[in-house]
């Protein structure tokens, strides 16, 4: 649920892919709940 262990990309589209946002956090939370 955090920033991946990679360098921050220079390209804006890749930067948006790498950085966490509300949608990614909610998706990770739901995935954790479904796996337990």
PDB file of N, CA and C in Angstrom:
ATOM      1  N   UNK A   1       0.818  -1.187   0.000  1.00  0.00           N
ATOM      2  CA  UNK A   1       0.000   0.000   0.000  1.00  0.00           C
ATOM      3  C   UNK A   1       0.862   1.251   0.000  1.00  0.00           C
ATOM      4  N   UNK A   2       2.108   1.106  -0.300  1.00  0.00           N
ATOM      5  CA  UNK A   2       3.015   2.252  -0.316  1.00  0.00           C
ATOM      6  C   UNK A   2       3.707   2.343  -1.668  1.00  0.00           C
ATOM      7  N   UNK A   3       4.606   3.286  -1.758  1.00  0.00           N
ATOM      8  CA  UNK A   3       5.383   3.492  -2.975  1.00  0.00           C
ATOM      9  C   UNK A   3       6.239   2.261  -3.245  1.00  0.00           C
ATOM     10  N   UNK A   4       6.249   1.755  -4.487  1.00  0.00           N
ATOM     11  CA  UNK A   4       7.088   0.590  -4.786  1.00  0.00           C
ATOM     12  C   UNK A   4       8.574   0.919  -4.623  1.00  0.00           C
ATOM     13  N   UNK A   5       9.370  -0.087  -4.384  1.00  0.00           N
ATOM     14  CA  UNK A   5      10.802   0.095  -4.150  1.00  0.00           C
ATOM     15  C   UNK A   5      11.529   0.237  -5.485  1.00  0.00           C
ATOM     16  N   UNK A   6      11.238   1.337  -6.183  1.00  0.00           N
ATOM     17  CA  UNK A   6      11.855   1.633  -7.478  1.00  0.00           C
ATOM     18  C   UNK A   6      12.184   3.118  -7.525  1.00  0.00           C
ATOM     19  N   UNK A   7      13.127   3.529  -8.372  1.00  0.00           N
ATOM     20  CA  UNK A   7      13.378   4.966  -8.525  1.00  0.00           C
ATOM     21  C   UNK A   7      12.157   5.654  -9.143  1.00  0.00           C
ATOM     22  N   UNK A   8      11.945   6.912  -8.795  1.00  0.00           N
ATOM     23  CA  UNK A   8      10.824   7.657  -9.373  1.00  0.00           C
ATOM     24  C   UNK A   8      11.101   7.881 -10.851  1.00  0.00           C
ATOM     25  N   UNK A   9      10.199   7.443 -11.726  1.00  0.00           N
ATOM     26  CA  UNK A   9      10.412   7.621 -13.165  1.00  0.00           C
ATOM     27  C   UNK A   9      10.362   9.099 -13.556  1.00  0.00           C
ATOM     28  N   UNK A  10      11.043   9.453 -14.632  1.00  0.00           N
ATOM     29  CA  UNK A  10      11.058  10.827 -15.127  1.00  0.00           C
ATOM     30  C   UNK A  10       9.829  11.130 -15.973  1.00  0.00           C
ATOM     31  N   UNK A  11       9.375  10.155 -16.740  1.00  0.00           N
ATOM     32  CA  UNK A  11       8.215  10.355 -17.615  1.00  0.00           C
ATOM     33  C   UNK A  11       6.955  10.542 -16.766  1.00  0.00           C
ATOM     34  N   UNK A  12       6.168  11.582 -17.047  1.00  0.00           N
ATOM     35  CA  UNK A  12       4.970  11.847 -16.234  1.00  0.00           C
ATOM     36  C   UNK A  12       3.987  10.678 -16.167  1.00  0.00           C
ATOM     37  N   UNK A  13       3.782   9.961 -17.270  1.00  0.00           N
ATOM     38  CA  UNK A  13       2.837   8.838 -17.229  1.00  0.00           C
ATOM     39  C   UNK A  13       3.357   7.704 -16.359  1.00  0.00           C
ATOM     40  N   UNK A  14       4.647   7.451 -16.410  1.00  0.00           N
ATOM     41  CA  UNK A  14       5.225   6.401 -15.562  1.00  0.00           C
ATOM     42  C   UNK A  14       5.265   6.844 -14.102  1.00  0.00           C
ATOM     43  N   UNK A  15       5.473   8.140 -13.877  1.00  0.00           N
ATOM     44  CA  UNK A  15       5.462   8.657 -12.510  1.00  0.00           C
ATOM     45  C   UNK A  15       4.087   8.440 -11.885  1.00  0.00           C
ATOM     46  N   UNK A  16       3.022   8.721 -12.635  1.00  0.00           N
ATOM     47  CA  UNK A  16       1.670   8.513 -12.127  1.00  0.00           C
ATOM     48  C   UNK A  16       1.399   7.039 -11.854  1.00  0.00           C
ATOM     49  N   UNK A  17       1.973   6.149 -12.665  1.00  0.00           N
ATOM     50  CA  UNK A  17       1.808   4.711 -12.442  1.00  0.00           C
ATOM     51  C   UNK A  17       2.488   4.293 -11.142  1.00  0.00           C
ATOM     52  N   UNK A  18       3.659   4.874 -10.867  1.00  0.00           N
ATOM     53  CA  UNK A  18       4.453   4.446  -9.721  1.00  0.00           C
ATOM     54  C   UNK A  18       3.957   5.021  -8.398  1.00  0.00           C
ATOM     55  N   UNK A  19       3.437   6.240  -8.416  1.00  0.00           N
ATOM     56  CA  UNK A  19       3.042   6.889  -7.168  1.00  0.00           C
ATOM     57  C   UNK A  19       1.708   6.357  -6.669  1.00  0.00           C
ATOM     58  N   UNK A  20       1.580   6.181  -5.347  1.00  0.00           N
ATOM     59  CA  UNK A  20       0.297   5.731  -4.806  1.00  0.00           C
ATOM     60  C   UNK A  20      -0.743   6.844  -4.910  1.00  0.00           C
ATOM     61  N   UNK A  21      -1.993   6.453  -5.056  1.00  0.00           N
ATOM     62  CA  UNK A  21      -3.106   7.400  -5.025  1.00  0.00           C
ATOM     63  C   UNK A  21      -4.268   6.719  -4.306  1.00  0.00           C
ATOM     64  N   UNK A  22      -5.338   7.440  -4.120  1.00  0.00           N
ATOM     65  CA  UNK A  22      -6.463   6.900  -3.352  1.00  0.00           C
ATOM     66  C   UNK A  22      -7.017   5.620  -3.968  1.00  0.00           C
ATOM     67  N   UNK A  23      -7.145   5.576  -5.290  1.00  0.00           N
ATOM     68  CA  UNK A  23      -7.694   4.383  -5.947  1.00  0.00           C
ATOM     69  C   UNK A  23      -6.808   3.159  -5.728  1.00  0.00           C
ATOM     70  N   UNK A  24      -5.499   3.332  -5.821  1.00  0.00           N
ATOM     71  CA  UNK A  24      -4.577   2.206  -5.626  1.00  0.00           C
ATOM     72  C   UNK A  24      -4.594   1.731  -4.177  1.00  0.00           C
ATOM     73  N   UNK A  25      -4.709   2.656  -3.234  1.00  0.00           N
ATOM     74  CA  UNK A  25      -4.741   2.283  -1.817  1.00  0.00           C
ATOM     75  C   UNK A  25      -6.016   1.506  -1.507  1.00  0.00           C
ATOM     76  N   UNK A  26      -7.146   1.970  -2.021  1.00  0.00           N
ATOM     77  CA  UNK A  26      -8.419   1.271  -1.798  1.00  0.00           C
ATOM     78  C   UNK A  26      -8.375  -0.115  -2.431  1.00  0.00           C
ATOM     79  N   UNK A  27      -7.831  -0.222  -3.641  1.00  0.00           N
ATOM     80  CA  UNK A  27      -7.736  -1.524  -4.310  1.00  0.00           C
ATOM     81  C   UNK A  27      -6.844  -2.480  -3.520  1.00  0.00           C
ATOM     82  N   UNK A  28      -5.729  -1.992  -3.003  1.00  0.00           N
ATOM     83  CA  UNK A  28      -4.834  -2.841  -2.213  1.00  0.00           C
ATOM     84  C   UNK A  28      -5.518  -3.282  -0.922  1.00  0.00           C
ATOM     85  N   UNK A  29      -6.272  -2.395  -0.308  1.00  0.00           N
ATOM     86  CA  UNK A  29      -6.998  -2.727   0.910  1.00  0.00           C
ATOM     87  C   UNK A  29      -8.025  -3.823   0.646  1.00  0.00           C
ATOM     88  N   UNK A  30      -8.784  -3.686  -0.441  1.00  0.00           N
ATOM     89  CA  UNK A  30      -9.779  -4.708  -0.783  1.00  0.00           C
ATOM     90  C   UNK A  30      -9.103  -6.037  -1.118  1.00  0.00           C
ATOM     91  N   UNK A  31      -7.960  -5.987  -1.775  1.00  0.00           N
ATOM     92  CA  UNK A  31      -7.242  -7.216  -2.099  1.00  0.00           C
ATOM     93  C   UNK A  31      -6.758  -7.899  -0.823  1.00  0.00           C
ATOM     94  N   UNK A  32      -6.264  -7.124   0.138  1.00  0.00           N
ATOM     95  CA  UNK A  32      -5.805  -7.706   1.399  1.00  0.00           C
ATOM     96  C   UNK A  32      -6.965  -8.351   2.144  1.00  0.00           C
ATOM     97  N   UNK A  33      -8.129  -7.717   2.122  1.00  0.00           N
ATOM     98  CA  UNK A  33      -9.288  -8.286   2.812  1.00  0.00           C
ATOM     99  C   UNK A  33      -9.765  -9.572   2.151  1.00  0.00           C
ATOM    100  N   UNK A  34      -9.716  -9.626   0.831  1.00  0.00           N
ATOM    101  CA  UNK A  34     -10.205 -10.818   0.141  1.00  0.00           C
ATOM    102  C   UNK A  34      -9.251 -11.999   0.284  1.00  0.00           C
ATOM    103  N   UNK A  35      -7.975 -11.726   0.552  1.00  0.00           N
ATOM    104  CA  UNK A  35      -6.998 -12.807   0.697  1.00  0.00           C
ATOM    105  C   UNK A  35      -6.977 -13.389   2.098  1.00  0.00           C
ATOM    106  N   UNK A  36      -7.571 -12.703   3.067  1.00  0.00           N
ATOM    107  CA  UNK A  36      -7.520 -13.219   4.439  1.00  0.00           C
ATOM    108  C   UNK A  36      -8.751 -14.006   4.799  1.00  0.00           C
TER     109      UNK A  36
END
